[in-house]
Amino acid sequence: MTTSSGATQTRRRTLARRAQWLAGASVAYNLIEGIVAIGAGTVAGSTALIGFGLDSAIEMTSGLVILWQFRHPVPEERELLARRIIAVSFFALAGYVTVESVRALVTAERPAPSVVGIVLTVASLLIMPILSWAQRRTGRQLGSRAVEADGTQTLLCTYLSAAVLLGLLGNALLGWGWLDPVAALVIAGVAVNEGRENWQGEDDCCSPLPGLDGEADSCCAADGLSANSAGDEPGANRAAD
């Protein structure tokens, strides 16, 4: 039992460090992305690109929350609060995207083509899915829905990148400036749903760390729950230990 417990704690520390590294990478990338997008959007007169840059600031919130959570000796104690802060960032993202999309549709703005914006959104489409996958996988292994939510936030950034790229290309090649705001409104709907789930999800944080003798997340342990994988010792034997 001592060896197993030691292995579990070592694995948790490794995953916690990985979660922090991924969050830091997300914050750094979004900082650069935001600066470039706002600059390119200002030059081209593109509301979509400027909005994309401001959205990067919202995306940074999730990463900073994860860094804050895992600075605590027992990150699980900050899990629910972290998830609710991230939920607010989802709502902020949805609100901003909705307002900007409706405004773009009403005013029928047609900005100048932006090569820098196209290159930036293509880069985001290549980088963000990989980062999101790593974040969500780490969150599942760690049993942290907050880390998973951070990965979902990154995935939504990927979708938003695709929407902005579609709008930039449609505007540059076909004059279809309405493509971007329409696609962005769909993303806003997804963001609202994710925000609601993270705000309400108080009891779904329990998930075992795979390969660690079925050790359950601490919130499950508090309720007397356990997640046993195949080949684990019976619960009675654990109690006897």
C-alpha atoms as a PDB file:
ATOM      1  CA  MET A   1       0.000   0.000   0.000  1.00  0.00           C
ATOM      2  CA  THR A   2       2.819   2.416   0.826  1.00  0.00           C
ATOM      3  CA  THR A   3       4.541   1.788  -2.501  1.00  0.00           C
ATOM      4  CA  SER A   4       1.272   2.156  -4.394  1.00  0.00           C
ATOM      5  CA  SER A   5       0.421   5.370  -2.566  1.00  0.00           C
ATOM      6  CA  GLY A   6       3.880   6.733  -3.260  1.00  0.00           C
ATOM      7  CA  ALA A   7       3.523   5.938  -6.968  1.00  0.00           C
ATOM      8  CA  THR A   8       0.140   7.647  -7.020  1.00  0.00           C
ATOM      9  CA  GLN A   9       1.464  10.821  -5.434  1.00  0.00           C
ATOM     10  CA  THR A  10       4.457  10.877  -7.777  1.00  0.00           C
ATOM     11  CA  ARG A  11       2.160  10.518 -10.773  1.00  0.00           C
ATOM     12  CA  ARG A  12      -0.077  13.304  -9.479  1.00  0.00           C
ATOM     13  CA  ARG A  13       2.869  15.643  -9.042  1.00  0.00           C
ATOM     14  CA  THR A  14       4.032  14.862 -12.580  1.00  0.00           C
ATOM     15  CA  LEU A  15       0.585  15.547 -14.015  1.00  0.00           C
ATOM     16  CA  ALA A  16       0.236  18.731 -11.961  1.00  0.00           C
ATOM     17  CA  ARG A  17       3.538  20.019 -13.331  1.00  0.00           C
ATOM     18  CA  ARG A  18       2.405  19.149 -16.844  1.00  0.00           C
ATOM     19  CA  ALA A  19      -0.888  20.996 -16.321  1.00  0.00           C
ATOM     20  CA  GLN A  20       1.019  24.085 -15.201  1.00  0.00           C
ATOM     21  CA  TRP A  21       3.441  23.893 -18.125  1.00  0.00           C
ATOM     22  CA  LEU A  22       0.578  23.592 -20.622  1.00  0.00           C
ATOM     23  CA  ALA A  23      -1.270  26.478 -18.976  1.00  0.00           C
ATOM     24  CA  GLY A  24       1.870  28.603 -19.153  1.00  0.00           C
ATOM     25  CA  ALA A  25       2.336  27.729 -22.832  1.00  0.00           C
ATOM     26  CA  SER A  26      -1.277  28.713 -23.506  1.00  0.00           C
ATOM     27  CA  VAL A  27      -0.861  32.064 -21.737  1.00  0.00           C
ATOM     28  CA  ALA A  28       2.370  32.836 -23.622  1.00  0.00           C
ATOM     29  CA  TYR A  29       0.914  31.936 -27.022  1.00  0.00           C
ATOM     30  CA  ASN A  30      -2.281  33.886 -26.456  1.00  0.00           C
ATOM     31  CA  LEU A  31      -0.277  36.931 -25.383  1.00  0.00           C
ATOM     32  CA  ILE A  32       1.651  36.892 -28.665  1.00  0.00           C
ATOM     33  CA  GLU A  33      -1.476  36.055 -30.658  1.00  0.00           C
ATOM     34  CA  GLY A  34      -3.393  38.917 -29.085  1.00  0.00           C
ATOM     35  CA  ILE A  35      -0.733  41.524 -29.773  1.00  0.00           C
ATOM     36  CA  VAL A  36      -0.303  40.457 -33.411  1.00  0.00           C
ATOM     37  CA  ALA A  37      -4.066  40.158 -34.047  1.00  0.00           C
ATOM     38  CA  ILE A  38      -4.912  43.579 -32.611  1.00  0.00           C
ATOM     39  CA  GLY A  39      -2.061  45.177 -34.555  1.00  0.00           C
ATOM     40  CA  ALA A  40      -3.043  43.511 -37.839  1.00  0.00           C
ATOM     41  CA  GLY A  41      -6.732  44.235 -37.247  1.00  0.00           C
ATOM     42  CA  THR A  42      -6.038  47.908 -36.618  1.00  0.00           C
ATOM     43  CA  VAL A  43      -4.033  48.217 -39.831  1.00  0.00           C
ATOM     44  CA  ALA A  44      -6.667  46.391 -41.913  1.00  0.00           C
ATOM     45  CA  GLY A  45      -9.661  47.923 -40.154  1.00  0.00           C
ATOM     46  CA  SER A  46     -10.864  44.408 -39.330  1.00  0.00           C
ATOM     47  CA  THR A  47     -13.283  44.127 -36.407  1.00  0.00           C
ATOM     48  CA  ALA A  48     -12.977  40.351 -36.574  1.00  0.00           C
ATOM     49  CA  LEU A  49      -9.205  40.415 -36.156  1.00  0.00           C
ATOM     50  CA  ILE A  50      -9.325  42.968 -33.339  1.00  0.00           C
ATOM     51  CA  GLY A  51     -12.009  40.883 -31.635  1.00  0.00           C
ATOM     52  CA  PHE A  52      -9.855  37.799 -32.124  1.00  0.00           C
ATOM     53  CA  GLY A  53      -6.994  39.577 -30.395  1.00  0.00           C
ATOM     54  CA  LEU A  54      -9.152  40.698 -27.478  1.00  0.00           C
ATOM     55  CA  ASP A  55     -10.504  37.156 -27.203  1.00  0.00           C
ATOM     56  CA  SER A  56      -6.918  36.015 -26.618  1.00  0.00           C
ATOM     57  CA  ALA A  57      -6.982  38.001 -23.366  1.00  0.00           C
ATOM     58  CA  ILE A  58     -10.051  36.042 -22.288  1.00  0.00           C
ATOM     59  CA  GLU A  59      -8.302  32.808 -23.263  1.00  0.00           C
ATOM     60  CA  MET A  60      -5.361  33.797 -21.079  1.00  0.00           C
ATOM     61  CA  THR A  61      -7.697  33.891 -18.077  1.00  0.00           C
ATOM     62  CA  SER A  62      -8.158  30.120 -18.159  1.00  0.00           C
ATOM     63  CA  GLY A  63      -4.436  29.456 -18.198  1.00  0.00           C
ATOM     64  CA  LEU A  64      -3.798  31.887 -15.363  1.00  0.00           C
ATOM     65  CA  VAL A  65      -6.548  30.246 -13.301  1.00  0.00           C
ATOM     66  CA  ILE A  66      -4.911  26.831 -13.720  1.00  0.00           C
ATOM     67  CA  LEU A  67      -1.537  28.249 -12.693  1.00  0.00           C
ATOM     68  CA  TRP A  68      -3.212  29.775  -9.636  1.00  0.00           C
ATOM     69  CA  GLN A  69      -4.995  26.523  -8.770  1.00  0.00           C
ATOM     70  CA  PHE A  70      -1.888  24.352  -8.872  1.00  0.00           C
ATOM     71  CA  ARG A  71       0.167  26.740  -6.797  1.00  0.00           C
ATOM     72  CA  HIS A  72      -1.899  25.493  -3.856  1.00  0.00           C
ATOM     73  CA  PRO A  73      -0.480  22.516  -1.877  1.00  0.00           C
ATOM     74  CA  VAL A  74      -3.811  20.737  -2.421  1.00  0.00           C
ATOM     75  CA  PRO A  75      -5.090  21.875  -5.857  1.00  0.00           C
ATOM     76  CA  GLU A  76      -8.325  19.921  -5.415  1.00  0.00           C
ATOM     77  CA  GLU A  77      -9.424  22.443  -2.793  1.00  0.00           C
ATOM     78  CA  ARG A  78      -9.498  25.104  -5.514  1.00  0.00           C
ATOM     79  CA  GLU A  79     -11.102  22.896  -8.164  1.00  0.00           C
ATOM     80  CA  LEU A  80     -14.679  24.156  -7.938  1.00  0.00           C
ATOM     81  CA  LEU A  81     -13.682  27.822  -7.702  1.00  0.00           C
ATOM     82  CA  ALA A  82     -11.291  27.376 -10.633  1.00  0.00           C
ATOM     83  CA  ARG A  83     -14.055  25.820 -12.722  1.00  0.00           C
ATOM     84  CA  ARG A  84     -16.435  28.643 -11.942  1.00  0.00           C
ATOM     85  CA  ILE A  85     -13.884  31.293 -12.831  1.00  0.00           C
ATOM     86  CA  ILE A  86     -13.289  29.497 -16.128  1.00  0.00           C
ATOM     87  CA  ALA A  87     -17.065  29.301 -16.603  1.00  0.00           C
ATOM     88  CA  VAL A  88     -17.214  33.099 -16.306  1.00  0.00           C
ATOM     89  CA  SER A  89     -14.499  33.347 -18.971  1.00  0.00           C
ATOM     90  CA  PHE A  90     -16.634  31.151 -21.252  1.00  0.00           C
ATOM     91  CA  PHE A  91     -19.586  33.500 -20.709  1.00  0.00           C
ATOM     92  CA  ALA A  92     -17.374  36.532 -21.344  1.00  0.00           C
ATOM     93  CA  LEU A  93     -16.128  34.960 -24.562  1.00  0.00           C
ATOM     94  CA  ALA A  94     -19.668  34.184 -25.699  1.00  0.00           C
ATOM     95  CA  GLY A  95     -20.899  37.663 -24.847  1.00  0.00           C
ATOM     96  CA  TYR A  96     -18.081  39.441 -26.630  1.00  0.00           C
ATOM     97  CA  VAL A  97     -18.266  37.252 -29.748  1.00  0.00           C
ATOM     98  CA  THR A  98     -22.053  37.693 -29.914  1.00  0.00           C
ATOM     99  CA  VAL A  99     -21.930  41.489 -29.660  1.00  0.00           C
ATOM    100  CA  GLU A 100     -19.154  41.816 -32.225  1.00  0.00           C
ATOM    101  CA  SER A 101     -20.790  39.339 -34.611  1.00  0.00           C
ATOM    102  CA  VAL A 102     -24.170  41.085 -34.529  1.00  0.00           C
ATOM    103  CA  ARG A 103     -22.495  44.462 -34.995  1.00  0.00           C
ATOM    104  CA  ALA A 104     -20.513  43.165 -37.980  1.00  0.00           C
ATOM    105  CA  LEU A 105     -23.672  41.766 -39.571  1.00  0.00           C
ATOM    106  CA  VAL A 106     -25.656  44.968 -39.025  1.00  0.00           C
ATOM    107  CA  THR A 107     -22.969  47.336 -40.287  1.00  0.00           C
ATOM    108  CA  ALA A 108     -21.900  45.010 -43.131  1.00  0.00           C
ATOM    109  CA  GLU A 109     -18.298  46.055 -42.613  1.00  0.00           C
ATOM    110  CA  ARG A 110     -15.769  44.975 -45.217  1.00  0.00           C
ATOM    111  CA  PRO A 111     -12.205  45.423 -43.995  1.00  0.00           C
ATOM    112  CA  ALA A 112      -9.087  45.419 -46.140  1.00  0.00           C
ATOM    113  CA  PRO A 113      -7.457  42.004 -46.786  1.00  0.00           C
ATOM    114  CA  SER A 114      -4.905  41.056 -44.118  1.00  0.00           C
ATOM    115  CA  VAL A 115      -2.098  38.656 -45.004  1.00  0.00           C
ATOM    116  CA  VAL A 116      -0.769  38.852 -41.434  1.00  0.00           C
ATOM    117  CA  GLY A 117      -4.210  37.929 -40.094  1.00  0.00           C
ATOM    118  CA  ILE A 118      -4.475  34.943 -42.428  1.00  0.00           C
ATOM    119  CA  VAL A 119      -1.014  33.674 -41.446  1.00  0.00           C
ATOM    120  CA  LEU A 120      -1.816  34.154 -37.744  1.00  0.00           C
ATOM    121  CA  THR A 121      -5.095  32.245 -37.869  1.00  0.00           C
ATOM    122  CA  VAL A 122      -3.506  29.423 -39.878  1.00  0.00           C
ATOM    123  CA  ALA A 123      -0.774  29.169 -37.218  1.00  0.00           C
ATOM    124  CA  SER A 124      -3.432  29.000 -34.500  1.00  0.00           C
ATOM    125  CA  LEU A 125      -5.231  26.237 -36.371  1.00  0.00           C
ATOM    126  CA  LEU A 126      -2.005  24.217 -36.374  1.00  0.00           C
ATOM    127  CA  ILE A 127      -0.928  24.875 -32.780  1.00  0.00           C
ATOM    128  CA  MET A 128      -4.129  25.142 -30.741  1.00  0.00           C
ATOM    129  CA  PRO A 129      -5.604  21.656 -31.445  1.00  0.00           C
ATOM    130  CA  ILE A 130      -2.398  19.996 -30.218  1.00  0.00           C
ATOM    131  CA  LEU A 131      -2.296  22.146 -27.097  1.00  0.00           C
ATOM    132  CA  SER A 132      -5.993  21.536 -26.431  1.00  0.00           C
ATOM    133  CA  TRP A 133      -5.605  17.763 -26.790  1.00  0.00           C
ATOM    134  CA  ALA A 134      -2.703  17.734 -24.325  1.00  0.00           C
ATOM    135  CA  GLN A 135      -4.612  19.884 -21.819  1.00  0.00           C
ATOM    136  CA  ARG A 136      -7.789  17.806 -21.956  1.00  0.00           C
ATOM    137  CA  ARG A 137      -5.869  14.528 -21.732  1.00  0.00           C
ATOM    138  CA  THR A 138      -3.905  15.777 -18.729  1.00  0.00           C
ATOM    139  CA  GLY A 139      -7.130  16.967 -17.095  1.00  0.00           C
ATOM    140  CA  ARG A 140      -8.756  13.546 -17.506  1.00  0.00           C
ATOM    141  CA  GLN A 141      -5.699  11.746 -16.124  1.00  0.00           C
ATOM    142  CA  LEU A 142      -5.464  14.140 -13.211  1.00  0.00           C
ATOM    143  CA  GLY A 143      -9.192  14.027 -12.491  1.00  0.00           C
ATOM    144  CA  SER A 144      -9.429  17.810 -12.842  1.00  0.00           C
ATOM    145  CA  ARG A 145     -12.370  19.177 -14.781  1.00  0.00           C
ATOM    146  CA  ALA A 146     -10.845  22.656 -14.446  1.00  0.00           C
ATOM    147  CA  VAL A 147      -7.828  21.569 -16.496  1.00  0.00           C
ATOM    148  CA  GLU A 148     -10.172  19.909 -18.993  1.00  0.00           C
ATOM    149  CA  ALA A 149     -12.188  23.133 -19.212  1.00  0.00           C
ATOM    150  CA  ASP A 150      -9.003  25.053 -19.925  1.00  0.00           C
ATOM    151  CA  GLY A 151      -8.383  22.641 -22.802  1.00  0.00           C
ATOM    152  CA  THR A 152     -11.921  23.154 -24.055  1.00  0.00           C
ATOM    153  CA  GLN A 153     -11.372  26.906 -23.936  1.00  0.00           C
ATOM    154  CA  THR A 154      -8.297  26.382 -26.121  1.00  0.00           C
ATOM    155  CA  LEU A 155     -10.364  24.232 -28.489  1.00  0.00           C
ATOM    156  CA  LEU A 156     -12.928  27.020 -28.802  1.00  0.00           C
ATOM    157  CA  CYS A 157     -10.052  29.328 -29.681  1.00  0.00           C
ATOM    158  CA  THR A 158      -9.276  26.895 -32.496  1.00  0.00           C
ATOM    159  CA  TYR A 159     -12.863  27.109 -33.758  1.00  0.00           C
ATOM    160  CA  LEU A 160     -12.771  30.883 -33.503  1.00  0.00           C
ATOM    161  CA  SER A 161      -9.507  30.892 -35.473  1.00  0.00           C
ATOM    162  CA  ALA A 162     -11.229  28.873 -38.190  1.00  0.00           C
ATOM    163  CA  ALA A 163     -14.166  31.281 -38.221  1.00  0.00           C
ATOM    164  CA  VAL A 164     -11.907  34.326 -38.471  1.00  0.00           C
ATOM    165  CA  LEU A 165      -9.814  32.675 -41.190  1.00  0.00           C
ATOM    166  CA  LEU A 166     -12.964  31.799 -43.109  1.00  0.00           C
ATOM    167  CA  GLY A 167     -14.113  35.387 -42.839  1.00  0.00           C
ATOM    168  CA  LEU A 168     -10.747  36.790 -43.898  1.00  0.00           C
ATOM    169  CA  LEU A 169     -10.513  34.488 -46.919  1.00  0.00           C
ATOM    170  CA  GLY A 170     -14.159  34.979 -47.845  1.00  0.00           C
ATOM    171  CA  ASN A 171     -13.721  38.730 -47.655  1.00  0.00           C
ATOM    172  CA  ALA A 172     -10.424  38.762 -49.570  1.00  0.00           C
ATOM    173  CA  LEU A 173     -11.428  36.341 -52.328  1.00  0.00           C
ATOM    174  CA  LEU A 174     -15.217  36.569 -52.648  1.00  0.00           C
ATOM    175  CA  GLY A 175     -16.304  39.634 -50.721  1.00  0.00           C
ATOM    176  CA  TRP A 176     -18.323  37.456 -48.311  1.00  0.00           C
ATOM    177  CA  GLY A 177     -17.715  39.417 -45.130  1.00  0.00           C
ATOM    178  CA  TRP A 178     -20.742  37.844 -43.409  1.00  0.00           C
ATOM    179  CA  LEU A 179     -19.117  34.389 -43.088  1.00  0.00           C
ATOM    180  CA  ASP A 180     -17.031  35.239 -40.040  1.00  0.00           C
ATOM    181  CA  PRO A 181     -19.777  36.651 -37.775  1.00  0.00           C
ATOM    182  CA  VAL A 182     -22.206  33.838 -38.646  1.00  0.00           C
ATOM    183  CA  ALA A 183     -19.664  31.136 -37.763  1.00  0.00           C
ATOM    184  CA  ALA A 184     -18.661  33.046 -34.628  1.00  0.00           C
ATOM    185  CA  LEU A 185     -22.273  33.070 -33.392  1.00  0.00           C
ATOM    186  CA  VAL A 186     -22.270  29.265 -33.463  1.00  0.00           C
ATOM    187  CA  ILE A 187     -19.077  29.259 -31.402  1.00  0.00           C
ATOM    188  CA  ALA A 188     -20.710  31.638 -28.918  1.00  0.00           C
ATOM    189  CA  GLY A 189     -23.504  29.111 -28.405  1.00  0.00           C
ATOM    190  CA  VAL A 190     -20.983  26.352 -27.677  1.00  0.00           C
ATOM    191  CA  ALA A 191     -19.174  28.634 -25.217  1.00  0.00           C
ATOM    192  CA  VAL A 192     -22.405  29.307 -23.300  1.00  0.00           C
ATOM    193  CA  ASN A 193     -23.070  25.576 -22.991  1.00  0.00           C
ATOM    194  CA  GLU A 194     -19.532  24.877 -21.759  1.00  0.00           C
ATOM    195  CA  GLY A 195     -19.772  27.744 -19.288  1.00  0.00           C
ATOM    196  CA  ARG A 196     -23.046  26.426 -17.887  1.00  0.00           C
ATOM    197  CA  GLU A 197     -21.663  22.917 -17.445  1.00  0.00           C
ATOM    198  CA  ASN A 198     -18.579  24.162 -15.629  1.00  0.00           C
ATOM    199  CA  TRP A 199     -20.591  26.445 -13.366  1.00  0.00           C
ATOM    200  CA  GLN A 200     -23.034  23.709 -12.326  1.00  0.00           C
ATOM    201  CA  GLY A 201     -20.677  20.713 -12.313  1.00  0.00           C
ATOM    202  CA  GLU A 202     -20.007  20.289  -8.626  1.00  0.00           C
ATOM    203  CA  ASP A 203     -20.195  16.484  -8.423  1.00  0.00           C
ATOM    204  CA  ASP A 204     -18.465  15.282 -11.575  1.00  0.00           C
ATOM    205  CA  CYS A 205     -14.877  15.929 -10.542  1.00  0.00           C
ATOM    206  CA  CYS A 206     -14.356  12.321  -9.509  1.00  0.00           C
ATOM    207  CA  SER A 207     -12.298  10.402 -12.003  1.00  0.00           C
ATOM    208  CA  PRO A 208      -9.580   7.826 -11.385  1.00  0.00           C
ATOM    209  CA  LEU A 209      -6.030   8.315 -12.458  1.00  0.00           C
ATOM    210  CA  PRO A 210      -5.429   5.531 -15.004  1.00  0.00           C
ATOM    211  CA  GLY A 211      -2.800   3.005 -14.106  1.00  0.00           C
ATOM    212  CA  LEU A 212      -2.614   4.060 -10.475  1.00  0.00           C
ATOM    213  CA  ASP A 213      -4.438   1.183  -8.795  1.00  0.00           C
ATOM    214  CA  GLY A 214      -7.771   2.874  -9.366  1.00  0.00           C
ATOM    215  CA  GLU A 215      -7.020   5.669  -6.927  1.00  0.00           C
ATOM    216  CA  ALA A 216      -9.965   8.056  -7.040  1.00  0.00           C
ATOM    217  CA  ASP A 217      -9.893  11.815  -7.064  1.00  0.00           C
ATOM    218  CA  SER A 218      -9.793  13.338  -3.594  1.00  0.00           C
ATOM    219  CA  CYS A 219     -13.341  14.649  -3.882  1.00  0.00           C
ATOM    220  CA  CYS A 220     -14.547  11.080  -4.373  1.00  0.00           C
ATOM    221  CA  ALA A 221     -12.538   9.894  -1.429  1.00  0.00           C
ATOM    222  CA  ALA A 222     -14.274  12.473   0.712  1.00  0.00           C
ATOM    223  CA  ASP A 223     -17.588  10.820  -0.141  1.00  0.00           C
ATOM    224  CA  GLY A 224     -16.283   7.347   0.526  1.00  0.00           C
ATOM    225  CA  LEU A 225     -16.147   6.495  -3.170  1.00  0.00           C
ATOM    226  CA  SER A 226     -13.442   4.555  -4.987  1.00  0.00           C
ATOM    227  CA  ALA A 227     -12.725   3.694  -8.577  1.00  0.00           C
ATOM    228  CA  ASN A 228     -11.212   0.235  -8.921  1.00  0.00           C
ATOM    229  CA  SER A 229      -9.545  -0.835 -12.138  1.00  0.00           C
ATOM    230  CA  ALA A 230      -9.244  -4.435 -13.279  1.00  0.00           C
ATOM    231  CA  GLY A 231      -6.857  -6.397 -11.109  1.00  0.00           C
ATOM    232  CA  ASP A 232      -7.146  -4.102  -8.076  1.00  0.00           C
ATOM    233  CA  GLU A 233      -7.292  -5.598  -4.641  1.00  0.00           C
ATOM    234  CA  PRO A 234     -10.777  -5.904  -3.155  1.00  0.00           C
ATOM    235  CA  GLY A 235     -11.947  -2.999  -1.066  1.00  0.00           C
ATOM    236  CA  ALA A 236     -12.008  -5.210   2.000  1.00  0.00           C
ATOM    237  CA  ASN A 237      -8.301  -5.839   1.708  1.00  0.00           C
ATOM    238  CA  ARG A 238      -7.671  -2.126   1.446  1.00  0.00           C
ATOM    239  CA  ALA A 239      -9.665  -1.542   4.595  1.00  0.00           C
ATOM    240  CA  ALA A 240      -7.684  -4.236   6.343  1.00  0.00           C
ATOM    241  CA  ASP A 241      -4.481  -2.407   5.437  1.00  0.00           C
END
